[in-house]
Amino acid sequence: MDLGNRRVNGHITSDVLETTVNKFSKLSTETDVECKTASSSVASNKISSESTSRTRKQYPRKRTEYIEWPDYFMAVAFLSAQRSKDPSTQVGACIVNPDNKIVGIGYNGMPNGCPDDDLPWGKDSEDWLDRKYPYVCHAEMNAIMNKNSADVKGCTMYVAMFPCNECAKLIIQAGIRDVVYYSDKNRCKPEYVASQRLFTMTGVTVRQYKPSRNRIVIDFSDIDAQCMAAVHQEVDGRDNNDVS
């Protein structure tokens, strides 16, 4: 520290000494304040972190038994199939956009306005006109026609069975880019071989659905059971709090 020429007979004058002491004292005070502030901040962060951790541990955890998107969409297709009046084959289809929103659902059945009881449902009659095939609209067609969006371009179709050649043409024309099917039991029949050829030529991705579970059960009484369980849990929680 520069003391200048403020000396008398080789000694530091009192005003210089007082100024120097004051500067060191101020510096020491500022350092102590900074240290205390830093320590307080660290302690505060630690308390906040511990508090948040304790709070998070108290939250109920989400259920882990929920179904994944592919299972959900294929289940919707299978559920829709239950609306079909076809005695031999019930097929459903579900169209999903890139945001995982359902934009179309359908199942196999007679055209609108055609009485179900006035047309044949069999498939073995010698007369082709007495079979169901000339009349029934397939699930894929109905799902596309039932769309609730402007179009289904870029969407994915979940369907119970591999599409036939007629449905393949509709899928391609509608702009659907992915087809997820469950069963391909008819893959060796010419109309299904033609479907695969059409999909390959147009770049439509086709893949077989592999379920993560074999059964998805819908139990209408389950919702009441859940409500009752929630009530009992709330009552038990209050009782425990009263005891403590």
C-alpha atoms as a PDB file:
ATOM      1  CA  MET A   1       0.000   0.000   0.000  1.00  0.00           C
ATOM      2  CA  ASP A   2       1.341   3.409  -0.975  1.00  0.00           C
ATOM      3  CA  LEU A   3       1.754   5.567   2.110  1.00  0.00           C
ATOM      4  CA  GLY A   4       3.083   8.484   0.095  1.00  0.00           C
ATOM      5  CA  ASN A   5       5.255  10.919   2.024  1.00  0.00           C
ATOM      6  CA  ARG A   6       3.049  10.933   5.061  1.00  0.00           C
ATOM      7  CA  ARG A   7       5.825  10.172   7.597  1.00  0.00           C
ATOM      8  CA  VAL A   8       7.121  12.224  10.475  1.00  0.00           C
ATOM      9  CA  ASN A   9      10.613  11.458  11.744  1.00  0.00           C
ATOM     10  CA  GLY A  10      10.427   7.998  10.121  1.00  0.00           C
ATOM     11  CA  HIS A  11       7.047   7.145  11.668  1.00  0.00           C
ATOM     12  CA  ILE A  12       3.648   6.694   9.967  1.00  0.00           C
ATOM     13  CA  THR A  13       1.298   9.468  10.909  1.00  0.00           C
ATOM     14  CA  SER A  14      -1.936   8.598  12.776  1.00  0.00           C
ATOM     15  CA  ASP A  15      -4.278   9.616   9.945  1.00  0.00           C
ATOM     16  CA  VAL A  16      -2.512   7.244   7.524  1.00  0.00           C
ATOM     17  CA  LEU A  17      -2.620   4.414  10.023  1.00  0.00           C
ATOM     18  CA  GLU A  18      -6.328   4.982  10.692  1.00  0.00           C
ATOM     19  CA  THR A  19      -7.140   4.993   6.939  1.00  0.00           C
ATOM     20  CA  THR A  20      -5.218   1.738   6.428  1.00  0.00           C
ATOM     21  CA  VAL A  21      -6.976   0.012   9.321  1.00  0.00           C
ATOM     22  CA  ASN A  22     -10.365   1.139   8.032  1.00  0.00           C
ATOM     23  CA  LYS A  23      -9.657  -0.273   4.569  1.00  0.00           C
ATOM     24  CA  PHE A  24      -8.609  -3.677   5.943  1.00  0.00           C
ATOM     25  CA  SER A  25     -11.633  -3.718   8.234  1.00  0.00           C
ATOM     26  CA  LYS A  26     -14.007  -2.961   5.337  1.00  0.00           C
ATOM     27  CA  LEU A  27     -12.393  -5.652   3.177  1.00  0.00           C
ATOM     28  CA  SER A  28     -12.722  -8.215   5.952  1.00  0.00           C
ATOM     29  CA  THR A  29     -16.384  -7.317   6.515  1.00  0.00           C
ATOM     30  CA  GLU A  30     -17.225  -7.639   2.799  1.00  0.00           C
ATOM     31  CA  THR A  31     -15.505 -11.033   2.660  1.00  0.00           C
ATOM     32  CA  ASP A  32     -17.460 -12.275   5.690  1.00  0.00           C
ATOM     33  CA  VAL A  33     -20.718 -11.107   4.121  1.00  0.00           C
ATOM     34  CA  GLU A  34     -19.945 -12.869   0.852  1.00  0.00           C
ATOM     35  CA  CYS A  35     -19.058 -16.106   2.667  1.00  0.00           C
ATOM     36  CA  LYS A  36     -22.224 -15.958   4.768  1.00  0.00           C
ATOM     37  CA  THR A  37     -24.336 -15.234   1.663  1.00  0.00           C
ATOM     38  CA  ALA A  38     -22.790 -18.172  -0.212  1.00  0.00           C
ATOM     39  CA  SER A  39     -23.265 -20.491   2.749  1.00  0.00           C
ATOM     40  CA  SER A  40     -26.858 -19.346   3.148  1.00  0.00           C
ATOM     41  CA  SER A  41     -27.539 -19.932  -0.553  1.00  0.00           C
ATOM     42  CA  VAL A  42     -26.065 -23.447  -0.425  1.00  0.00           C
ATOM     43  CA  ALA A  43     -28.066 -24.264   2.690  1.00  0.00           C
ATOM     44  CA  SER A  44     -31.230 -22.844   1.132  1.00  0.00           C
ATOM     45  CA  ASN A  45     -30.743 -24.883  -2.035  1.00  0.00           C
ATOM     46  CA  LYS A  46     -30.139 -28.008   0.023  1.00  0.00           C
ATOM     47  CA  ILE A  47     -33.280 -27.446   2.078  1.00  0.00           C
ATOM     48  CA  SER A  48     -35.289 -26.708  -1.076  1.00  0.00           C
ATOM     49  CA  SER A  49     -33.966 -29.854  -2.753  1.00  0.00           C
ATOM     50  CA  GLU A  50     -34.723 -31.995   0.290  1.00  0.00           C
ATOM     51  CA  SER A  51     -38.183 -30.466   0.560  1.00  0.00           C
ATOM     52  CA  THR A  52     -38.917 -31.116  -3.125  1.00  0.00           C
ATOM     53  CA  SER A  53     -37.632 -34.657  -2.769  1.00  0.00           C
ATOM     54  CA  ARG A  54     -39.860 -35.282   0.217  1.00  0.00           C
ATOM     55  CA  THR A  55     -42.830 -33.745  -1.593  1.00  0.00           C
ATOM     56  CA  ARG A  56     -42.311 -35.901  -4.689  1.00  0.00           C
ATOM     57  CA  LYS A  57     -42.099 -39.049  -2.596  1.00  0.00           C
ATOM     58  CA  GLN A  58     -45.515 -38.274  -1.182  1.00  0.00           C
ATOM     59  CA  TYR A  59     -47.202 -38.185  -4.621  1.00  0.00           C
ATOM     60  CA  PRO A  60     -49.022 -41.359  -5.713  1.00  0.00           C
ATOM     61  CA  ARG A  61     -47.170 -43.121  -8.494  1.00  0.00           C
ATOM     62  CA  LYS A  62     -48.750 -43.529 -11.926  1.00  0.00           C
ATOM     63  CA  ARG A  63     -50.158 -46.960 -12.744  1.00  0.00           C
ATOM     64  CA  THR A  64     -47.900 -49.175 -14.806  1.00  0.00           C
ATOM     65  CA  GLU A  65     -50.565 -51.479 -16.258  1.00  0.00           C
ATOM     66  CA  TYR A  66     -51.753 -49.025 -18.931  1.00  0.00           C
ATOM     67  CA  ILE A  67     -51.787 -50.271 -22.535  1.00  0.00           C
ATOM     68  CA  GLU A  68     -49.361 -48.953 -25.132  1.00  0.00           C
ATOM     69  CA  TRP A  69     -50.539 -47.097 -28.245  1.00  0.00           C
ATOM     70  CA  PRO A  70     -50.329 -50.074 -30.666  1.00  0.00           C
ATOM     71  CA  ASP A  71     -52.289 -52.285 -28.261  1.00  0.00           C
ATOM     72  CA  TYR A  72     -54.851 -49.548 -27.818  1.00  0.00           C
ATOM     73  CA  PHE A  73     -55.417 -48.976 -31.538  1.00  0.00           C
ATOM     74  CA  MET A  74     -55.580 -52.658 -32.398  1.00  0.00           C
ATOM     75  CA  ALA A  75     -57.975 -53.184 -29.489  1.00  0.00           C
ATOM     76  CA  VAL A  76     -60.199 -50.444 -30.933  1.00  0.00           C
ATOM     77  CA  ALA A  77     -60.168 -52.276 -34.265  1.00  0.00           C
ATOM     78  CA  PHE A  78     -61.094 -55.554 -32.565  1.00  0.00           C
ATOM     79  CA  LEU A  79     -63.818 -53.865 -30.518  1.00  0.00           C
ATOM     80  CA  SER A  80     -65.273 -52.283 -33.667  1.00  0.00           C
ATOM     81  CA  ALA A  81     -65.383 -55.735 -35.244  1.00  0.00           C
ATOM     82  CA  GLN A  82     -67.952 -56.722 -32.629  1.00  0.00           C
ATOM     83  CA  ARG A  83     -70.419 -54.465 -34.447  1.00  0.00           C
ATOM     84  CA  SER A  84     -70.250 -56.684 -37.542  1.00  0.00           C
ATOM     85  CA  LYS A  85     -73.241 -58.903 -38.325  1.00  0.00           C
ATOM     86  CA  ASP A  86     -71.177 -61.254 -40.467  1.00  0.00           C
ATOM     87  CA  PRO A  87     -71.648 -64.716 -38.903  1.00  0.00           C
ATOM     88  CA  SER A  88     -68.316 -66.094 -40.119  1.00  0.00           C
ATOM     89  CA  THR A  89     -65.795 -63.235 -40.068  1.00  0.00           C
ATOM     90  CA  GLN A  90     -65.815 -60.053 -37.990  1.00  0.00           C
ATOM     91  CA  VAL A  91     -63.152 -57.528 -38.955  1.00  0.00           C
ATOM     92  CA  GLY A  92     -62.499 -54.018 -37.652  1.00  0.00           C
ATOM     93  CA  ALA A  93     -60.163 -51.242 -38.757  1.00  0.00           C
ATOM     94  CA  CYS A  94     -58.835 -48.124 -37.024  1.00  0.00           C
ATOM     95  CA  ILE A  95     -57.068 -45.227 -38.766  1.00  0.00           C
ATOM     96  CA  VAL A  96     -54.639 -43.134 -36.726  1.00  0.00           C
ATOM     97  CA  ASN A  97     -52.887 -39.904 -37.686  1.00  0.00           C
ATOM     98  CA  PRO A  98     -49.227 -39.074 -36.827  1.00  0.00           C
ATOM     99  CA  ASP A  99     -50.387 -37.438 -33.561  1.00  0.00           C
ATOM    100  CA  ASN A 100     -51.899 -40.724 -32.356  1.00  0.00           C
ATOM    101  CA  LYS A 101     -55.431 -39.412 -32.877  1.00  0.00           C
ATOM    102  CA  ILE A 102     -58.074 -41.781 -34.226  1.00  0.00           C
ATOM    103  CA  VAL A 103     -59.532 -40.337 -37.433  1.00  0.00           C
ATOM    104  CA  GLY A 104     -61.543 -43.280 -38.750  1.00  0.00           C
ATOM    105  CA  ILE A 105     -63.146 -46.523 -37.564  1.00  0.00           C
ATOM    106  CA  GLY A 106     -64.982 -49.200 -39.509  1.00  0.00           C
ATOM    107  CA  TYR A 107     -66.108 -52.821 -39.574  1.00  0.00           C
ATOM    108  CA  ASN A 108     -67.366 -55.159 -42.286  1.00  0.00           C
ATOM    109  CA  GLY A 109     -71.057 -54.901 -43.083  1.00  0.00           C
ATOM    110  CA  MET A 110     -73.655 -54.212 -45.747  1.00  0.00           C
ATOM    111  CA  PRO A 111     -73.828 -50.794 -47.451  1.00  0.00           C
ATOM    112  CA  ASN A 112     -75.895 -48.028 -45.883  1.00  0.00           C
ATOM    113  CA  GLY A 113     -79.574 -48.379 -46.702  1.00  0.00           C
ATOM    114  CA  CYS A 114     -79.356 -52.087 -47.556  1.00  0.00           C
ATOM    115  CA  PRO A 115     -81.412 -54.192 -45.114  1.00  0.00           C
ATOM    116  CA  ASP A 116     -79.149 -56.747 -43.431  1.00  0.00           C
ATOM    117  CA  ASP A 117     -81.854 -59.413 -43.607  1.00  0.00           C
ATOM    118  CA  ASP A 118     -82.476 -59.048 -47.348  1.00  0.00           C
ATOM    119  CA  LEU A 119     -78.943 -59.912 -48.494  1.00  0.00           C
ATOM    120  CA  PRO A 120     -76.996 -63.180 -48.110  1.00  0.00           C
ATOM    121  CA  TRP A 121     -74.364 -63.643 -45.407  1.00  0.00           C
ATOM    122  CA  GLY A 122     -73.143 -67.060 -46.579  1.00  0.00           C
ATOM    123  CA  LYS A 123     -70.037 -67.767 -48.619  1.00  0.00           C
ATOM    124  CA  ASP A 124     -70.508 -71.300 -49.973  1.00  0.00           C
ATOM    125  CA  SER A 125     -73.475 -70.978 -52.346  1.00  0.00           C
ATOM    126  CA  GLU A 126     -72.960 -72.182 -55.909  1.00  0.00           C
ATOM    127  CA  ASP A 127     -74.426 -68.937 -57.221  1.00  0.00           C
ATOM    128  CA  TRP A 128     -71.970 -66.106 -56.643  1.00  0.00           C
ATOM    129  CA  LEU A 129     -74.861 -63.673 -56.277  1.00  0.00           C
ATOM    130  CA  ASP A 130     -76.091 -65.687 -53.310  1.00  0.00           C
ATOM    131  CA  ARG A 131     -72.833 -65.182 -51.458  1.00  0.00           C
ATOM    132  CA  LYS A 132     -71.892 -62.233 -49.245  1.00  0.00           C
ATOM    133  CA  TYR A 133     -68.851 -61.164 -51.273  1.00  0.00           C
ATOM    134  CA  PRO A 134     -70.583 -58.991 -53.904  1.00  0.00           C
ATOM    135  CA  TYR A 135     -72.346 -56.978 -51.205  1.00  0.00           C
ATOM    136  CA  VAL A 136     -70.313 -56.636 -48.025  1.00  0.00           C
ATOM    137  CA  CYS A 137     -68.204 -53.507 -47.478  1.00  0.00           C
ATOM    138  CA  HIS A 138     -64.918 -54.387 -45.824  1.00  0.00           C
ATOM    139  CA  ALA A 139     -63.734 -52.765 -42.617  1.00  0.00           C
ATOM    140  CA  GLU A 140     -60.919 -50.893 -44.390  1.00  0.00           C
ATOM    141  CA  MET A 141     -63.349 -49.270 -46.807  1.00  0.00           C
ATOM    142  CA  ASN A 142     -65.735 -48.241 -44.050  1.00  0.00           C
ATOM    143  CA  ALA A 143     -62.934 -46.814 -41.899  1.00  0.00           C
ATOM    144  CA  ILE A 144     -61.770 -44.641 -44.799  1.00  0.00           C
ATOM    145  CA  MET A 145     -65.330 -43.554 -45.649  1.00  0.00           C
ATOM    146  CA  ASN A 146     -66.056 -42.825 -41.975  1.00  0.00           C
ATOM    147  CA  LYS A 147     -63.042 -40.552 -41.550  1.00  0.00           C
ATOM    148  CA  ASN A 148     -63.608 -37.480 -39.369  1.00  0.00           C
ATOM    149  CA  SER A 149     -60.791 -35.443 -40.922  1.00  0.00           C
ATOM    150  CA  ALA A 150     -60.307 -33.827 -44.317  1.00  0.00           C
ATOM    151  CA  ASP A 151     -58.167 -36.747 -45.441  1.00  0.00           C
ATOM    152  CA  VAL A 152     -56.130 -39.648 -44.093  1.00  0.00           C
ATOM    153  CA  LYS A 153     -52.883 -38.982 -45.929  1.00  0.00           C
ATOM    154  CA  GLY A 154     -49.834 -40.095 -43.974  1.00  0.00           C
ATOM    155  CA  CYS A 155     -51.938 -42.050 -41.496  1.00  0.00           C
ATOM    156  CA  THR A 156     -51.604 -45.595 -40.175  1.00  0.00           C
ATOM    157  CA  MET A 157     -54.316 -48.222 -40.411  1.00  0.00           C
ATOM    158  CA  TYR A 158     -54.678 -50.910 -37.754  1.00  0.00           C
ATOM    159  CA  VAL A 159     -56.748 -53.803 -39.063  1.00  0.00           C
ATOM    160  CA  ALA A 160     -57.551 -57.290 -37.799  1.00  0.00           C
ATOM    161  CA  MET A 161     -56.765 -59.039 -41.099  1.00  0.00           C
ATOM    162  CA  PHE A 162     -54.361 -58.379 -43.940  1.00  0.00           C
ATOM    163  CA  PRO A 163     -56.231 -56.246 -46.527  1.00  0.00           C
ATOM    164  CA  CYS A 164     -57.480 -57.775 -49.763  1.00  0.00           C
ATOM    165  CA  ASN A 165     -56.530 -56.309 -53.149  1.00  0.00           C
ATOM    166  CA  GLU A 166     -59.670 -54.146 -53.337  1.00  0.00           C
ATOM    167  CA  CYS A 167     -58.986 -52.632 -49.919  1.00  0.00           C
ATOM    168  CA  ALA A 168     -55.310 -52.244 -50.787  1.00  0.00           C
ATOM    169  CA  LYS A 169     -56.284 -50.036 -53.718  1.00  0.00           C
ATOM    170  CA  LEU A 170     -58.460 -47.878 -51.468  1.00  0.00           C
ATOM    171  CA  ILE A 171     -55.688 -47.607 -48.861  1.00  0.00           C
ATOM    172  CA  ILE A 172     -53.194 -46.505 -51.487  1.00  0.00           C
ATOM    173  CA  GLN A 173     -55.567 -44.003 -53.077  1.00  0.00           C
ATOM    174  CA  ALA A 174     -56.394 -42.518 -49.662  1.00  0.00           C
ATOM    175  CA  GLY A 175     -52.706 -41.838 -48.969  1.00  0.00           C
ATOM    176  CA  ILE A 176     -52.368 -44.133 -45.966  1.00  0.00           C
ATOM    177  CA  ARG A 177     -48.663 -44.930 -45.555  1.00  0.00           C
ATOM    178  CA  ASP A 178     -48.622 -47.696 -42.924  1.00  0.00           C
ATOM    179  CA  VAL A 179     -50.739 -50.807 -42.439  1.00  0.00           C
ATOM    180  CA  VAL A 180     -50.553 -52.799 -39.204  1.00  0.00           C
ATOM    181  CA  TYR A 181     -52.442 -56.099 -39.347  1.00  0.00           C
ATOM    182  CA  TYR A 182     -52.952 -58.936 -36.892  1.00  0.00           C
ATOM    183  CA  SER A 183     -53.745 -62.011 -39.002  1.00  0.00           C
ATOM    184  CA  ASP A 184     -52.507 -62.975 -42.455  1.00  0.00           C
ATOM    185  CA  LYS A 185     -54.218 -66.357 -42.641  1.00  0.00           C
ATOM    186  CA  ASN A 186     -55.217 -65.664 -46.269  1.00  0.00           C
ATOM    187  CA  ARG A 187     -51.756 -64.615 -47.436  1.00  0.00           C
ATOM    188  CA  CYS A 188     -51.526 -67.397 -50.035  1.00  0.00           C
ATOM    189  CA  LYS A 189     -54.745 -66.445 -51.807  1.00  0.00           C
ATOM    190  CA  PRO A 190     -54.278 -64.529 -55.095  1.00  0.00           C
ATOM    191  CA  GLU A 191     -56.131 -61.398 -53.934  1.00  0.00           C
ATOM    192  CA  TYR A 192     -53.811 -61.050 -50.949  1.00  0.00           C
ATOM    193  CA  VAL A 193     -50.691 -61.730 -52.979  1.00  0.00           C
ATOM    194  CA  ALA A 194     -51.868 -58.912 -55.244  1.00  0.00           C
ATOM    195  CA  SER A 195     -52.250 -56.668 -52.182  1.00  0.00           C
ATOM    196  CA  GLN A 196     -48.655 -57.241 -51.131  1.00  0.00           C
ATOM    197  CA  ARG A 197     -47.514 -56.481 -54.663  1.00  0.00           C
ATOM    198  CA  LEU A 198     -49.452 -53.206 -54.716  1.00  0.00           C
ATOM    199  CA  PHE A 199     -48.148 -52.140 -51.309  1.00  0.00           C
ATOM    200  CA  THR A 200     -44.560 -52.908 -52.315  1.00  0.00           C
ATOM    201  CA  MET A 201     -44.839 -50.946 -55.557  1.00  0.00           C
ATOM    202  CA  THR A 202     -46.293 -47.866 -53.836  1.00  0.00           C
ATOM    203  CA  GLY A 203     -44.063 -47.883 -50.744  1.00  0.00           C
ATOM    204  CA  VAL A 204     -46.816 -48.553 -48.216  1.00  0.00           C
ATOM    205  CA  THR A 205     -45.244 -50.066 -45.107  1.00  0.00           C
ATOM    206  CA  VAL A 206     -46.930 -53.275 -43.960  1.00  0.00           C
ATOM    207  CA  ARG A 207     -46.101 -54.988 -40.677  1.00  0.00           C
ATOM    208  CA  GLN A 208     -47.685 -57.612 -38.490  1.00  0.00           C
ATOM    209  CA  TYR A 209     -48.832 -56.539 -35.071  1.00  0.00           C
ATOM    210  CA  LYS A 210     -47.128 -58.249 -32.151  1.00  0.00           C
ATOM    211  CA  PRO A 211     -49.275 -57.805 -29.033  1.00  0.00           C
ATOM    212  CA  SER A 212     -47.616 -57.145 -25.692  1.00  0.00           C
ATOM    213  CA  ARG A 213     -50.518 -58.986 -24.048  1.00  0.00           C
ATOM    214  CA  ASN A 214     -52.933 -61.635 -25.312  1.00  0.00           C
ATOM    215  CA  ARG A 215     -56.070 -60.240 -23.713  1.00  0.00           C
ATOM    216  CA  ILE A 216     -57.519 -56.804 -23.038  1.00  0.00           C
ATOM    217  CA  VAL A 217     -60.648 -57.152 -20.917  1.00  0.00           C
ATOM    218  CA  ILE A 218     -63.352 -54.490 -20.766  1.00  0.00           C
ATOM    219  CA  ASP A 219     -65.254 -54.748 -17.503  1.00  0.00           C
ATOM    220  CA  PHE A 220     -67.988 -52.122 -17.148  1.00  0.00           C
ATOM    221  CA  SER A 221     -68.212 -52.745 -13.403  1.00  0.00           C
ATOM    222  CA  ASP A 222     -64.529 -51.923 -12.993  1.00  0.00           C
ATOM    223  CA  ILE A 223     -65.120 -48.156 -12.901  1.00  0.00           C
ATOM    224  CA  ASP A 224     -67.366 -48.474  -9.814  1.00  0.00           C
ATOM    225  CA  ALA A 225     -64.797 -50.729  -8.161  1.00  0.00           C
ATOM    226  CA  GLN A 226     -62.118 -48.087  -8.762  1.00  0.00           C
ATOM    227  CA  CYS A 227     -64.307 -45.364  -7.238  1.00  0.00           C
ATOM    228  CA  MET A 228     -64.979 -47.460  -4.149  1.00  0.00           C
ATOM    229  CA  ALA A 229     -61.289 -48.269  -3.779  1.00  0.00           C
ATOM    230  CA  ALA A 230     -60.454 -44.556  -3.971  1.00  0.00           C
ATOM    231  CA  VAL A 231     -63.030 -43.764  -1.276  1.00  0.00           C
ATOM    232  CA  HIS A 232     -61.672 -46.455   1.032  1.00  0.00           C
ATOM    233  CA  GLN A 233     -58.126 -45.229   0.455  1.00  0.00           C
ATOM    234  CA  GLU A 234     -59.128 -41.667   1.316  1.00  0.00           C
ATOM    235  CA  VAL A 235     -60.925 -42.802   4.492  1.00  0.00           C
ATOM    236  CA  ASP A 236     -57.941 -44.914   5.551  1.00  0.00           C
ATOM    237  CA  GLY A 237     -55.668 -41.945   4.988  1.00  0.00           C
ATOM    238  CA  ARG A 238     -57.785 -39.731   7.200  1.00  0.00           C
ATOM    239  CA  ASP A 239     -57.873 -42.372   9.924  1.00  0.00           C
ATOM    240  CA  ASN A 240     -54.096 -42.691   9.858  1.00  0.00           C
ATOM    241  CA  ASN A 241     -53.727 -38.916  10.134  1.00  0.00           C
ATOM    242  CA  ASP A 242     -56.097 -38.832  13.120  1.00  0.00           C
ATOM    243  CA  VAL A 243     -54.066 -41.530  14.872  1.00  0.00           C
ATOM    244  CA  SER A 244     -50.787 -39.765  14.253  1.00  0.00           C
END
